[in-house]
Every structure is written in C-alpha cells, then in structure tokens.
PDB file of N, CA and C in Angstrom:
ATOM      1  N   MET A   1      53.121 -83.196  -3.205  1.00  0.00           N
ATOM      2  CA  MET A   1      54.742 -82.955  -3.030  1.00  0.00           C
ATOM      3  C   MET A   1      55.480 -83.401  -2.099  1.00  0.00           C
ATOM      4  N   ASN A   2      56.712 -84.455  -2.534  1.00  0.00           N
ATOM      5  CA  ASN A   2      57.366 -84.990  -1.363  1.00  0.00           C
ATOM      6  C   ASN A   2      58.479 -84.249  -0.887  1.00  0.00           C
ATOM      7  N   ALA A   3      59.093 -84.715   0.321  1.00  0.00           N
ATOM      8  CA  ALA A   3      59.988 -83.955   0.939  1.00  0.00           C
ATOM      9  C   ALA A   3      61.377 -83.548  -0.086  1.00  0.00           C
ATOM     10  N   ASN A   4      61.691 -84.371  -0.998  1.00  0.00           N
ATOM     11  CA  ASN A   4      62.810 -84.250  -1.863  1.00  0.00           C
ATOM     12  C   ASN A   4      62.272 -83.053  -2.865  1.00  0.00           C
ATOM     13  N   GLU A   5      61.255 -82.862  -3.219  1.00  0.00           N
ATOM     14  CA  GLU A   5      60.767 -81.936  -4.192  1.00  0.00           C
ATOM     15  C   GLU A   5      60.667 -80.554  -3.425  1.00  0.00           C
ATOM     16  N   LEU A   6      60.144 -80.581  -2.165  1.00  0.00           N
ATOM     17  CA  LEU A   6      60.264 -79.400  -1.625  1.00  0.00           C
ATOM     18  C   LEU A   6      61.378 -78.819  -1.200  1.00  0.00           C
ATOM     19  N   GLU A   7      62.476 -79.701  -1.048  1.00  0.00           N
ATOM     20  CA  GLU A   7      63.615 -79.026  -0.696  1.00  0.00           C
ATOM     21  C   GLU A   7      64.287 -78.693  -2.006  1.00  0.00           C
ATOM     22  N   GLU A   8      64.103 -79.268  -3.218  1.00  0.00           N
ATOM     23  CA  GLU A   8      64.745 -78.834  -4.610  1.00  0.00           C
ATOM     24  C   GLU A   8      63.884 -77.517  -4.825  1.00  0.00           C
ATOM     25  N   ARG A   9      62.675 -77.207  -4.411  1.00  0.00           N
ATOM     26  CA  ARG A   9      61.939 -76.062  -4.867  1.00  0.00           C
ATOM     27  C   ARG A   9      62.547 -74.785  -3.857  1.00  0.00           C
ATOM     28  N   LEU A  10      62.762 -75.128  -2.538  1.00  0.00           N
ATOM     29  CA  LEU A  10      63.388 -74.340  -1.560  1.00  0.00           C
ATOM     30  C   LEU A  10      64.640 -73.821  -2.400  1.00  0.00           C
ATOM     31  N   LEU A  11      65.699 -74.972  -2.843  1.00  0.00           N
ATOM     32  CA  LEU A  11      67.126 -74.355  -3.224  1.00  0.00           C
ATOM     33  C   LEU A  11      66.756 -73.744  -4.395  1.00  0.00           C
ATOM     34  N   GLU A  12      65.845 -73.867  -5.283  1.00  0.00           N
ATOM     35  CA  GLU A  12      65.709 -73.170  -6.431  1.00  0.00           C
ATOM     36  C   GLU A  12      65.195 -71.742  -6.268  1.00  0.00           C
ATOM     37  N   PHE A  13      64.439 -71.522  -5.407  1.00  0.00           N
ATOM     38  CA  PHE A  13      63.991 -70.153  -4.816  1.00  0.00           C
ATOM     39  C   PHE A  13      65.167 -69.300  -4.489  1.00  0.00           C
ATOM     40  N   GLY A  14      66.090 -70.104  -3.463  1.00  0.00           N
ATOM     41  CA  GLY A  14      67.466 -69.603  -3.355  1.00  0.00           C
ATOM     42  C   GLY A  14      68.159 -69.080  -4.363  1.00  0.00           C
ATOM     43  N   VAL A  15      68.421 -69.940  -5.235  1.00  0.00           N
ATOM     44  CA  VAL A  15      69.149 -69.577  -6.581  1.00  0.00           C
ATOM     45  C   VAL A  15      68.233 -68.612  -7.369  1.00  0.00           C
ATOM     46  N   ARG A  16      67.095 -68.558  -7.776  1.00  0.00           N
ATOM     47  CA  ARG A  16      66.757 -67.526  -8.170  1.00  0.00           C
ATOM     48  C   ARG A  16      66.638 -66.056  -7.564  1.00  0.00           C
ATOM     49  N   CYS A  17      66.560 -66.055  -6.331  1.00  0.00           N
ATOM     50  CA  CYS A  17      66.910 -64.923  -5.692  1.00  0.00           C
ATOM     51  C   CYS A  17      68.131 -64.517  -5.677  1.00  0.00           C
ATOM     52  N   THR A  18      69.147 -65.514  -5.638  1.00  0.00           N
ATOM     53  CA  THR A  18      70.819 -65.202  -5.887  1.00  0.00           C
ATOM     54  C   THR A  18      71.041 -64.345  -7.158  1.00  0.00           C
ATOM     55  N   TYR A  19      70.508 -64.973  -8.353  1.00  0.00           N
ATOM     56  CA  TYR A  19      70.522 -64.173  -9.559  1.00  0.00           C
ATOM     57  C   TYR A  19      69.747 -62.857  -9.416  1.00  0.00           C
ATOM     58  N   LEU A  20      68.928 -62.509  -8.826  1.00  0.00           N
ATOM     59  CA  LEU A  20      68.175 -61.056  -8.571  1.00  0.00           C
ATOM     60  C   LEU A  20      69.131 -60.291  -7.603  1.00  0.00           C
ATOM     61  N   CYS A  21      69.556 -60.943  -6.582  1.00  0.00           N
ATOM     62  CA  CYS A  21      70.810 -60.190  -5.668  1.00  0.00           C
ATOM     63  C   CYS A  21      72.032 -59.586  -6.520  1.00  0.00           C
ATOM     64  N   ARG A  22      72.369 -60.574  -7.295  1.00  0.00           N
ATOM     65  CA  ARG A  22      73.367 -59.982  -8.331  1.00  0.00           C
ATOM     66  C   ARG A  22      73.072 -58.681  -8.919  1.00  0.00           C
ATOM     67  N   GLU A  23      71.945 -58.755  -9.554  1.00  0.00           N
ATOM     68  CA  GLU A  23      71.580 -57.609 -10.409  1.00  0.00           C
ATOM     69  C   GLU A  23      71.335 -56.723  -9.464  1.00  0.00           C
ATOM     70  N   LEU A  24      70.696 -56.670  -8.187  1.00  0.00           N
ATOM     71  CA  LEU A  24      70.447 -55.570  -7.648  1.00  0.00           C
ATOM     72  C   LEU A  24      71.765 -54.802  -7.131  1.00  0.00           C
ATOM     73  N   HIS A  25      72.894 -55.533  -6.788  1.00  0.00           N
ATOM     74  CA  HIS A  25      74.028 -55.248  -6.308  1.00  0.00           C
ATOM     75  C   HIS A  25      74.860 -54.341  -7.442  1.00  0.00           C
ATOM     76  N   LYS A  26      74.383 -54.802  -8.842  1.00  0.00           N
ATOM     77  CA  LYS A  26      74.935 -53.831  -9.820  1.00  0.00           C
ATOM     78  C   LYS A  26      74.636 -52.600 -10.050  1.00  0.00           C
ATOM     79  N   ILE A  27      73.340 -52.610  -9.299  1.00  0.00           N
ATOM     80  CA  ILE A  27      72.637 -51.256  -9.387  1.00  0.00           C
ATOM     81  C   ILE A  27      73.399 -50.210  -8.948  1.00  0.00           C
ATOM     82  N   GLY A  28      74.096 -50.542  -7.606  1.00  0.00           N
ATOM     83  CA  GLY A  28      75.012 -49.593  -6.992  1.00  0.00           C
ATOM     84  C   GLY A  28      74.585 -48.704  -5.953  1.00  0.00           C
ATOM     85  N   PHE A  29      73.404 -48.608  -5.844  1.00  0.00           N
ATOM     86  CA  PHE A  29      72.646 -47.763  -4.828  1.00  0.00           C
ATOM     87  C   PHE A  29      73.019 -48.300  -3.450  1.00  0.00           C
ATOM     88  N   PHE A  30      73.045 -47.496  -2.285  1.00  0.00           N
ATOM     89  CA  PHE A  30      73.350 -47.958  -0.925  1.00  0.00           C
ATOM     90  C   PHE A  30      72.184 -49.044  -0.865  1.00  0.00           C
ATOM     91  N   ASP A  31      71.071 -48.501  -1.010  1.00  0.00           N
ATOM     92  CA  ASP A  31      69.603 -49.289  -0.615  1.00  0.00           C
ATOM     93  C   ASP A  31      69.699 -50.584  -1.440  1.00  0.00           C
ATOM     94  N   SER A  32      70.260 -50.614  -2.692  1.00  0.00           N
ATOM     95  CA  SER A  32      69.870 -51.800  -3.374  1.00  0.00           C
ATOM     96  C   SER A  32      70.936 -52.759  -3.063  1.00  0.00           C
ATOM     97  N   LYS A  33      72.058 -52.464  -2.817  1.00  0.00           N
ATOM     98  CA  LYS A  33      73.112 -53.249  -2.050  1.00  0.00           C
ATOM     99  C   LYS A  33      72.721 -53.717  -0.841  1.00  0.00           C
ATOM    100  N   HIS A  34      72.069 -52.939  -0.030  1.00  0.00           N
ATOM    101  CA  HIS A  34      71.688 -53.566   1.295  1.00  0.00           C
ATOM    102  C   HIS A  34      70.718 -54.714   1.111  1.00  0.00           C
ATOM    103  N   VAL A  35      69.607 -54.444   0.543  1.00  0.00           N
ATOM    104  CA  VAL A  35      68.588 -55.268   0.408  1.00  0.00           C
ATOM    105  C   VAL A  35      68.930 -56.609  -0.527  1.00  0.00           C
ATOM    106  N   ALA A  36      70.028 -56.698  -1.429  1.00  0.00           N
ATOM    107  CA  ALA A  36      70.465 -57.664  -2.023  1.00  0.00           C
ATOM    108  C   ALA A  36      71.263 -58.345  -0.952  1.00  0.00           C
ATOM    109  N   GLY A  37      72.121 -58.007  -0.169  1.00  0.00           N
ATOM    110  CA  GLY A  37      72.366 -58.635   0.876  1.00  0.00           C
ATOM    111  C   GLY A  37      71.455 -59.431   1.813  1.00  0.00           C
ATOM    112  N   GLN A  38      70.613 -58.614   2.142  1.00  0.00           N
ATOM    113  CA  GLN A  38      69.378 -59.106   3.328  1.00  0.00           C
ATOM    114  C   GLN A  38      68.744 -60.454   2.558  1.00  0.00           C
ATOM    115  N   LEU A  39      68.245 -60.079   1.144  1.00  0.00           N
ATOM    116  CA  LEU A  39      67.368 -61.072   0.556  1.00  0.00           C
ATOM    117  C   LEU A  39      68.403 -62.230   0.234  1.00  0.00           C
ATOM    118  N   LEU A  40      69.564 -62.148   0.013  1.00  0.00           N
ATOM    119  CA  LEU A  40      70.447 -63.308  -0.289  1.00  0.00           C
ATOM    120  C   LEU A  40      70.610 -64.189   0.848  1.00  0.00           C
ATOM    121  N   ARG A  41      70.741 -63.514   2.038  1.00  0.00           N
ATOM    122  CA  ARG A  41      70.782 -64.373   3.208  1.00  0.00           C
ATOM    123  C   ARG A  41      69.604 -65.226   3.792  1.00  0.00           C
ATOM    124  N   ALA A  42      68.169 -64.130   3.516  1.00  0.00           N
ATOM    125  CA  ALA A  42      66.810 -65.159   3.817  1.00  0.00           C
ATOM    126  C   ALA A  42      66.667 -65.948   3.020  1.00  0.00           C
ATOM    127  N   SER A  43      66.699 -65.701   1.484  1.00  0.00           N
ATOM    128  CA  SER A  43      66.192 -66.555   0.595  1.00  0.00           C
ATOM    129  C   SER A  43      67.128 -67.970   0.792  1.00  0.00           C
ATOM    130  N   THR A  44      68.185 -67.783   0.617  1.00  0.00           N
ATOM    131  CA  THR A  44      69.403 -68.837   0.662  1.00  0.00           C
ATOM    132  C   THR A  44      69.266 -69.785   1.852  1.00  0.00           C
ATOM    133  N   HIS A  45      68.956 -69.163   3.213  1.00  0.00           N
ATOM    134  CA  HIS A  45      68.996 -70.220   4.547  1.00  0.00           C
ATOM    135  C   HIS A  45      67.571 -70.821   4.547  1.00  0.00           C
ATOM    136  N   ALA A  46      66.323 -70.454   3.809  1.00  0.00           N
ATOM    137  CA  ALA A  46      65.268 -71.186   3.710  1.00  0.00           C
ATOM    138  C   ALA A  46      65.348 -72.699   3.369  1.00  0.00           C
ATOM    139  N   GLY A  47      66.205 -72.667   2.174  1.00  0.00           N
ATOM    140  CA  GLY A  47      66.513 -74.164   1.806  1.00  0.00           C
ATOM    141  C   GLY A  47      67.657 -74.922   2.655  1.00  0.00           C
ATOM    142  N   PHE A  48      68.510 -74.148   3.314  1.00  0.00           N
ATOM    143  CA  PHE A  48      69.323 -74.572   3.907  1.00  0.00           C
ATOM    144  C   PHE A  48      68.762 -75.272   5.441  1.00  0.00           C
ATOM    145  N   HIS A  49      67.652 -74.489   5.966  1.00  0.00           N
ATOM    146  CA  HIS A  49      66.897 -74.659   6.985  1.00  0.00           C
ATOM    147  C   HIS A  49      66.211 -76.128   6.932  1.00  0.00           C
ATOM    148  N   TYR A  50      65.707 -76.200   5.811  1.00  0.00           N
ATOM    149  CA  TYR A  50      64.989 -77.233   5.384  1.00  0.00           C
ATOM    150  C   TYR A  50      65.604 -78.400   5.524  1.00  0.00           C
ATOM    151  N   SER A  51      66.884 -78.470   4.898  1.00  0.00           N
ATOM    152  CA  SER A  51      67.498 -79.685   5.175  1.00  0.00           C
ATOM    153  C   SER A  51      67.979 -80.121   6.466  1.00  0.00           C
ATOM    154  N   GLU A  52      68.162 -79.200   7.201  1.00  0.00           N
ATOM    155  CA  GLU A  52      68.387 -79.529   8.678  1.00  0.00           C
ATOM    156  C   GLU A  52      67.076 -79.903   9.513  1.00  0.00           C
ATOM    157  N   ALA A  53      65.871 -79.421   9.007  1.00  0.00           N
ATOM    158  CA  ALA A  53      64.561 -79.893   9.447  1.00  0.00           C
ATOM    159  C   ALA A  53      64.331 -81.560   9.144  1.00  0.00           C
ATOM    160  N   ARG A  54      64.806 -81.773   7.978  1.00  0.00           N
ATOM    161  CA  ARG A  54      64.617 -83.175   7.541  1.00  0.00           C
ATOM    162  C   ARG A  54      65.437 -84.175   8.188  1.00  0.00           C
ATOM    163  N   ALA A  55      66.555 -83.603   8.910  1.00  0.00           N
ATOM    164  CA  ALA A  55      67.165 -84.145   9.793  1.00  0.00           C
ATOM    165  C   ALA A  55      66.987 -84.507  11.361  1.00  0.00           C
ATOM    166  N   ALA A  56      65.597 -83.781  11.725  1.00  0.00           N
ATOM    167  CA  ALA A  56      65.282 -83.196  12.892  1.00  0.00           C
ATOM    168  C   ALA A  56      65.257 -84.641  13.850  1.00  0.00           C
ATOM    169  N   GLU A  57      65.377 -84.327  15.281  1.00  0.00           N
ATOM    170  CA  GLU A  57      66.046 -85.476  15.775  1.00  0.00           C
ATOM    171  C   GLU A  57      64.316 -85.863  16.485  1.00  0.00           C
ATOM    172  N   SER A  58      63.412 -85.165  16.330  1.00  0.00           N
ATOM    173  CA  SER A  58      62.011 -85.249  16.984  1.00  0.00           C
ATOM    174  C   SER A  58      61.158 -84.599  16.192  1.00  0.00           C
ATOM    175  N   THR A  59      59.726 -84.567  16.442  1.00  0.00           N
ATOM    176  CA  THR A  59      58.538 -83.871  15.700  1.00  0.00           C
ATOM    177  C   THR A  59      58.817 -82.629  16.280  1.00  0.00           C
ATOM    178  N   ARG A  60      59.051 -82.415  17.579  1.00  0.00           N
ATOM    179  CA  ARG A  60      58.981 -81.136  17.935  1.00  0.00           C
ATOM    180  C   ARG A  60      60.463 -80.092  17.726  1.00  0.00           C
ATOM    181  N   ASP A  61      61.306 -80.804  17.376  1.00  0.00           N
ATOM    182  CA  ASP A  61      62.545 -80.313  16.763  1.00  0.00           C
ATOM    183  C   ASP A  61      62.199 -79.801  15.164  1.00  0.00           C
ATOM    184  N   PHE A  62      61.591 -80.922  14.632  1.00  0.00           N
ATOM    185  CA  PHE A  62      61.367 -80.389  13.178  1.00  0.00           C
ATOM    186  C   PHE A  62      60.437 -79.385  12.911  1.00  0.00           C
ATOM    187  N   ILE A  63      59.312 -79.247  14.145  1.00  0.00           N
ATOM    188  CA  ILE A  63      58.624 -78.003  13.656  1.00  0.00           C
ATOM    189  C   ILE A  63      59.613 -76.650  14.307  1.00  0.00           C
ATOM    190  N   HIS A  64      60.258 -77.043  15.368  1.00  0.00           N
ATOM    191  CA  HIS A  64      60.983 -75.721  15.621  1.00  0.00           C
ATOM    192  C   HIS A  64      61.993 -75.231  14.319  1.00  0.00           C
ATOM    193  N   LYS A  65      62.445 -76.224  13.691  1.00  0.00           N
ATOM    194  CA  LYS A  65      63.459 -75.880  12.620  1.00  0.00           C
ATOM    195  C   LYS A  65      62.389 -75.422  11.085  1.00  0.00           C
ATOM    196  N   ILE A  66      61.039 -75.757  11.104  1.00  0.00           N
ATOM    197  CA  ILE A  66      60.539 -75.298  10.110  1.00  0.00           C
ATOM    198  C   ILE A  66      60.021 -73.643  10.426  1.00  0.00           C
ATOM    199  N   LYS A  67      59.837 -73.542  11.841  1.00  0.00           N
ATOM    200  CA  LYS A  67      59.463 -72.088  11.884  1.00  0.00           C
ATOM    201  C   LYS A  67      60.642 -71.328  11.793  1.00  0.00           C
ATOM    202  N   VAL A  68      61.785 -71.766  12.172  1.00  0.00           N
ATOM    203  CA  VAL A  68      62.882 -70.932  11.679  1.00  0.00           C
ATOM    204  C   VAL A  68      62.770 -70.565  10.270  1.00  0.00           C
ATOM    205  N   MET A  69      62.628 -71.626   9.311  1.00  0.00           N
ATOM    206  CA  MET A  69      62.720 -71.594   7.865  1.00  0.00           C
ATOM    207  C   MET A  69      61.907 -70.704   7.514  1.00  0.00           C
ATOM    208  N   LEU A  70      60.470 -70.612   8.180  1.00  0.00           N
ATOM    209  CA  LEU A  70      59.321 -69.752   7.733  1.00  0.00           C
ATOM    210  C   LEU A  70      59.519 -68.300   8.097  1.00  0.00           C
ATOM    211  N   LYS A  71      60.324 -68.098   8.970  1.00  0.00           N
ATOM    212  CA  LYS A  71      60.993 -66.706   9.278  1.00  0.00           C
ATOM    213  C   LYS A  71      61.850 -66.189   8.034  1.00  0.00           C
ATOM    214  N   GLU A  72      62.537 -67.180   7.547  1.00  0.00           N
ATOM    215  CA  GLU A  72      63.400 -66.536   6.448  1.00  0.00           C
ATOM    216  C   GLU A  72      62.709 -66.406   5.275  1.00  0.00           C
ATOM    217  N   LEU A  73      61.802 -67.297   5.161  1.00  0.00           N
ATOM    218  CA  LEU A  73      60.841 -67.237   4.007  1.00  0.00           C
ATOM    219  C   LEU A  73      59.975 -65.743   4.121  1.00  0.00           C
ATOM    220  N   ARG A  74      59.425 -65.503   5.388  1.00  0.00           N
ATOM    221  CA  ARG A  74      58.624 -64.425   5.155  1.00  0.00           C
ATOM    222  C   ARG A  74      59.648 -63.019   5.252  1.00  0.00           C
ATOM    223  N   GLU A  75      60.726 -63.066   5.574  1.00  0.00           N
ATOM    224  CA  GLU A  75      61.581 -61.986   5.346  1.00  0.00           C
ATOM    225  C   GLU A  75      61.946 -61.719   4.103  1.00  0.00           C
ATOM    226  N   SER A  76      62.102 -63.203   3.019  1.00  0.00           N
ATOM    227  CA  SER A  76      62.342 -63.039   1.718  1.00  0.00           C
ATOM    228  C   SER A  76      61.032 -62.387   1.115  1.00  0.00           C
ATOM    229  N   LYS A  77      60.078 -62.648   1.617  1.00  0.00           N
ATOM    230  CA  LYS A  77      58.783 -62.003   0.814  1.00  0.00           C
ATOM    231  C   LYS A  77      58.783 -60.625   1.029  1.00  0.00           C
ATOM    232  N   ALA A  78      59.058 -60.202   2.337  1.00  0.00           N
ATOM    233  CA  ALA A  78      59.197 -58.638   2.686  1.00  0.00           C
ATOM    234  C   ALA A  78      60.099 -57.837   1.728  1.00  0.00           C
ATOM    235  N   GLU A  79      61.219 -58.513   1.621  1.00  0.00           N
ATOM    236  CA  GLU A  79      62.223 -57.882   0.963  1.00  0.00           C
ATOM    237  C   GLU A  79      62.121 -57.940  -0.538  1.00  0.00           C
ATOM    238  N   LEU A  80      61.408 -59.144  -1.145  1.00  0.00           N
ATOM    239  CA  LEU A  80      60.668 -58.915  -2.480  1.00  0.00           C
ATOM    240  C   LEU A  80      59.805 -57.973  -2.680  1.00  0.00           C
ATOM    241  N   ASN A  81      58.837 -57.956  -1.680  1.00  0.00           N
ATOM    242  CA  ASN A  81      57.955 -56.745  -1.635  1.00  0.00           C
ATOM    243  C   ASN A  81      58.504 -55.385  -1.875  1.00  0.00           C
ATOM    244  N   TYR A  82      59.622 -54.937  -0.757  1.00  0.00           N
ATOM    245  CA  TYR A  82      60.370 -53.790  -1.068  1.00  0.00           C
ATOM    246  C   TYR A  82      61.153 -53.550  -2.491  1.00  0.00           C
ATOM    247  N   VAL A  83      61.799 -54.663  -2.909  1.00  0.00           N
ATOM    248  CA  VAL A  83      62.106 -54.532  -4.368  1.00  0.00           C
ATOM    249  C   VAL A  83      61.108 -54.010  -5.422  1.00  0.00           C
ATOM    250  N   LEU A  84      59.833 -54.726  -5.374  1.00  0.00           N
ATOM    251  CA  LEU A  84      58.940 -54.611  -6.223  1.00  0.00           C
ATOM    252  C   LEU A  84      58.597 -52.916  -5.952  1.00  0.00           C
ATOM    253  N   LYS A  85      58.395 -52.432  -4.705  1.00  0.00           N
ATOM    254  CA  LYS A  85      57.725 -51.177  -4.641  1.00  0.00           C
ATOM    255  C   LYS A  85      58.895 -50.140  -5.176  1.00  0.00           C
ATOM    256  N   MET A  86      60.204 -50.251  -4.868  1.00  0.00           N
ATOM    257  CA  MET A  86      61.238 -49.603  -5.328  1.00  0.00           C
ATOM    258  C   MET A  86      61.296 -49.415  -6.862  1.00  0.00           C
ATOM    259  N   GLN A  87      60.708 -50.435  -7.521  1.00  0.00           N
ATOM    260  CA  GLN A  87      60.821 -50.525  -8.824  1.00  0.00           C
ATOM    261  C   GLN A  87      62.224 -50.538  -9.541  1.00  0.00           C
ATOM    262  N   TYR A  88      62.939 -51.329  -8.905  1.00  0.00           N
ATOM    263  CA  TYR A  88      64.533 -51.613  -9.482  1.00  0.00           C
ATOM    264  C   TYR A  88      64.353 -52.166 -10.666  1.00  0.00           C
ATOM    265  N   PHE A  89      63.368 -53.002 -10.910  1.00  0.00           N
ATOM    266  CA  PHE A  89      63.068 -54.087 -12.250  1.00  0.00           C
ATOM    267  C   PHE A  89      61.564 -53.898 -12.668  1.00  0.00           C
ATOM    268  N   ASP A  90      61.483 -54.269 -13.752  1.00  0.00           N
ATOM    269  CA  ASP A  90      59.840 -54.637 -14.192  1.00  0.00           C
ATOM    270  C   ASP A  90      59.411 -55.531 -13.376  1.00  0.00           C
ATOM    271  N   ASP A  91      58.133 -55.499 -13.175  1.00  0.00           N
ATOM    272  CA  ASP A  91      57.626 -56.206 -12.253  1.00  0.00           C
ATOM    273  C   ASP A  91      57.562 -57.663 -12.509  1.00  0.00           C
ATOM    274  N   ASN A  92      57.604 -58.016 -13.799  1.00  0.00           N
ATOM    275  CA  ASN A  92      57.733 -59.197 -14.351  1.00  0.00           C
ATOM    276  C   ASN A  92      59.127 -60.229 -13.917  1.00  0.00           C
ATOM    277  N   ARG A  93      59.894 -59.482 -13.455  1.00  0.00           N
ATOM    278  CA  ARG A  93      61.220 -59.923 -12.948  1.00  0.00           C
ATOM    279  C   ARG A  93      60.847 -60.344 -11.383  1.00  0.00           C
ATOM    280  N   VAL A  94      60.281 -59.627 -10.776  1.00  0.00           N
ATOM    281  CA  VAL A  94      60.079 -59.987  -9.049  1.00  0.00           C
ATOM    282  C   VAL A  94      58.711 -60.543  -8.923  1.00  0.00           C
ATOM    283  N   VAL A  95      57.756 -60.192  -9.501  1.00  0.00           N
ATOM    284  CA  VAL A  95      56.396 -61.062  -9.097  1.00  0.00           C
ATOM    285  C   VAL A  95      56.627 -62.406  -9.062  1.00  0.00           C
ATOM    286  N   PRO A  96      57.307 -63.196  -9.968  1.00  0.00           N
ATOM    287  CA  PRO A  96      57.036 -64.630  -9.796  1.00  0.00           C
ATOM    288  C   PRO A  96      57.886 -65.205  -8.580  1.00  0.00           C
ATOM    289  N   LEU A  97      58.990 -64.255  -8.198  1.00  0.00           N
ATOM    290  CA  LEU A  97      59.854 -64.728  -7.186  1.00  0.00           C
ATOM    291  C   LEU A  97      58.696 -64.722  -5.683  1.00  0.00           C
ATOM    292  N   LEU A  98      57.906 -63.255  -5.791  1.00  0.00           N
ATOM    293  CA  LEU A  98      57.070 -63.086  -4.912  1.00  0.00           C
ATOM    294  C   LEU A  98      55.849 -63.779  -4.662  1.00  0.00           C
ATOM    295  N   GLU A  99      55.436 -64.559  -5.724  1.00  0.00           N
ATOM    296  CA  GLU A  99      54.514 -65.456  -5.670  1.00  0.00           C
ATOM    297  C   GLU A  99      55.084 -66.956  -5.280  1.00  0.00           C
ATOM    298  N   GLU A 100      56.247 -67.203  -5.522  1.00  0.00           N
ATOM    299  CA  GLU A 100      56.891 -68.595  -5.019  1.00  0.00           C
ATOM    300  C   GLU A 100      56.857 -68.194  -3.538  1.00  0.00           C
ATOM    301  N   SER A 101      57.372 -67.051  -3.077  1.00  0.00           N
ATOM    302  CA  SER A 101      57.782 -67.144  -1.499  1.00  0.00           C
ATOM    303  C   SER A 101      56.212 -67.098  -0.903  1.00  0.00           C
ATOM    304  N   SER A 102      55.300 -66.493  -1.466  1.00  0.00           N
ATOM    305  CA  SER A 102      54.140 -66.668  -0.802  1.00  0.00           C
ATOM    306  C   SER A 102      53.594 -68.207  -0.661  1.00  0.00           C
ATOM    307  N   GLN A 103      53.751 -68.759  -1.917  1.00  0.00           N
ATOM    308  CA  GLN A 103      53.111 -70.228  -2.036  1.00  0.00           C
ATOM    309  C   GLN A 103      54.153 -71.076  -0.690  1.00  0.00           C
ATOM    310  N   LEU A 104      55.198 -70.872  -0.871  1.00  0.00           N
ATOM    311  CA  LEU A 104      56.086 -71.525   0.360  1.00  0.00           C
ATOM    312  C   LEU A 104      56.000 -71.380   1.562  1.00  0.00           C
ATOM    313  N   VAL A 105      55.727 -70.051   1.927  1.00  0.00           N
ATOM    314  CA  VAL A 105      55.097 -69.521   3.350  1.00  0.00           C
ATOM    315  C   VAL A 105      53.646 -70.427   3.438  1.00  0.00           C
ATOM    316  N   ALA A 106      52.716 -70.180   2.522  1.00  0.00           N
ATOM    317  CA  ALA A 106      51.734 -71.243   2.870  1.00  0.00           C
ATOM    318  C   ALA A 106      51.470 -72.619   3.095  1.00  0.00           C
ATOM    319  N   ILE A 107      52.715 -73.384   2.091  1.00  0.00           N
ATOM    320  CA  ILE A 107      53.044 -74.864   2.570  1.00  0.00           C
ATOM    321  C   ILE A 107      53.540 -74.984   3.832  1.00  0.00           C
ATOM    322  N   PHE A 108      54.397 -74.164   4.128  1.00  0.00           N
ATOM    323  CA  PHE A 108      55.001 -74.561   5.559  1.00  0.00           C
ATOM    324  C   PHE A 108      54.426 -74.007   6.825  1.00  0.00           C
ATOM    325  N   THR A 109      53.419 -72.904   6.355  1.00  0.00           N
ATOM    326  CA  THR A 109      52.393 -72.577   7.585  1.00  0.00           C
ATOM    327  C   THR A 109      51.524 -73.855   7.720  1.00  0.00           C
ATOM    328  N   ALA A 110      51.209 -74.337   6.865  1.00  0.00           N
ATOM    329  CA  ALA A 110      50.126 -75.420   6.901  1.00  0.00           C
ATOM    330  C   ALA A 110      50.465 -76.597   7.554  1.00  0.00           C
ATOM    331  N   THR A 111      51.945 -76.885   7.092  1.00  0.00           N
ATOM    332  CA  THR A 111      52.580 -77.946   7.564  1.00  0.00           C
ATOM    333  C   THR A 111      52.811 -77.908   9.389  1.00  0.00           C
ATOM    334  N   VAL A 112      53.337 -76.706   9.644  1.00  0.00           N
ATOM    335  CA  VAL A 112      53.393 -76.382  11.206  1.00  0.00           C
ATOM    336  C   VAL A 112      52.124 -76.530  11.743  1.00  0.00           C
ATOM    337  N   LYS A 113      50.840 -75.899  11.102  1.00  0.00           N
ATOM    338  CA  LYS A 113      49.793 -76.018  11.899  1.00  0.00           C
ATOM    339  C   LYS A 113      49.293 -77.241  11.835  1.00  0.00           C
ATOM    340  N   LYS A 114      49.310 -78.242  10.971  1.00  0.00           N
ATOM    341  CA  LYS A 114      48.793 -79.643  11.035  1.00  0.00           C
ATOM    342  C   LYS A 114      49.840 -80.310  12.007  1.00  0.00           C
ATOM    343  N   LEU A 115      51.083 -80.314  11.881  1.00  0.00           N
ATOM    344  CA  LEU A 115      51.908 -81.090  13.015  1.00  0.00           C
ATOM    345  C   LEU A 115      51.598 -80.388  14.550  1.00  0.00           C
ATOM    346  N   ASP A 116      51.375 -79.233  14.915  1.00  0.00           N
ATOM    347  CA  ASP A 116      51.009 -78.719  15.970  1.00  0.00           C
ATOM    348  C   ASP A 116      49.604 -79.176  16.462  1.00  0.00           C
ATOM    349  N   ASP A 117      48.705 -79.163  15.615  1.00  0.00           N
ATOM    350  CA  ASP A 117      47.357 -79.746  16.147  1.00  0.00           C
ATOM    351  C   ASP A 117      47.514 -81.251  16.291  1.00  0.00           C
ATOM    352  N   LYS A 118      48.236 -81.931  15.805  1.00  0.00           N
ATOM    353  CA  LYS A 118      48.548 -83.344  15.823  1.00  0.00           C
ATOM    354  C   LYS A 118      49.104 -83.542  17.040  1.00  0.00           C
ATOM    355  N   ASN A 119      50.130 -82.557  17.475  1.00  0.00           N
ATOM    356  CA  ASN A 119      50.850 -83.138  19.008  1.00  0.00           C
ATOM    357  C   ASN A 119      50.060 -82.422  20.298  1.00  0.00           C
ATOM    358  N   LYS A 120      49.000 -81.725  19.837  1.00  0.00           N
ATOM    359  CA  LYS A 120      47.933 -81.369  20.785  1.00  0.00           C
ATOM    360  C   LYS A 120      47.085 -82.352  21.400  1.00  0.00           C
ATOM    361  N   LYS A 121      46.930 -83.470  20.295  1.00  0.00           N
ATOM    362  CA  LYS A 121      45.764 -84.491  20.504  1.00  0.00           C
ATOM    363  C   LYS A 121      46.349 -85.667  21.697  1.00  0.00           C
TER     364      LYS A 121
END
C-alpha cells in the first residue's frame, strides 16, 4: 500500500468515525456525548498527523510524527472498545471500525519498528 492510499485510508477512517460520533451525540447521554467528542478528535487527528508526517524534514521527524499519530489511533481503538462495551449500537456498526483501527495500528507500528531498526544500524 502506498502513501497516498494510506492517507486516504486514514481519512476514510476519520470520516467513518465522525458519522458514528454524530450518532453517539444524538443518543443524548452525558457519557455518549463525551466519548463522541474524544473519538472525533482522536480518529480525525490520525489522518491529519499522517499528512504532516509525509512532509517531515527528516526520518527522525517522520518517526516522531508517526508515533504521535499512533497515539491517536490507539486512543481511537480504546474509545471504540468502550462504545462496543457500552452497547450503544449493534456490534456490526462498531466492530468494522474497531478492526480498521487495529489494522492501522499494526501497519504504523511495523513502520516505526522498521525505521527505528534501520536508523540503529
């Protein structure tokens, strides 16, 4: 998968989470509104950080920006787990987003590991 495809995938993840957040907010509970705001920030920031990473000034800067993005993805994953456990929606509404967050975390964790290993040589 090339960088443009990854960027599109991250942005699509953010869009899909945004739609879920709109629905969470409509539920009207204080907790669903809270998690909607948190998930919205984390899931959309992941895509925004990747754009920044692609413009990094060095490999070290790129790694740093990807690590920041990974924090946002992990936070999104934790929030999606919370949404799933709270049973706000049917599992089939949340599980695909949870799986996508897991895949994105795996992709970028491997990227960081590969670049860290390469820089140590």
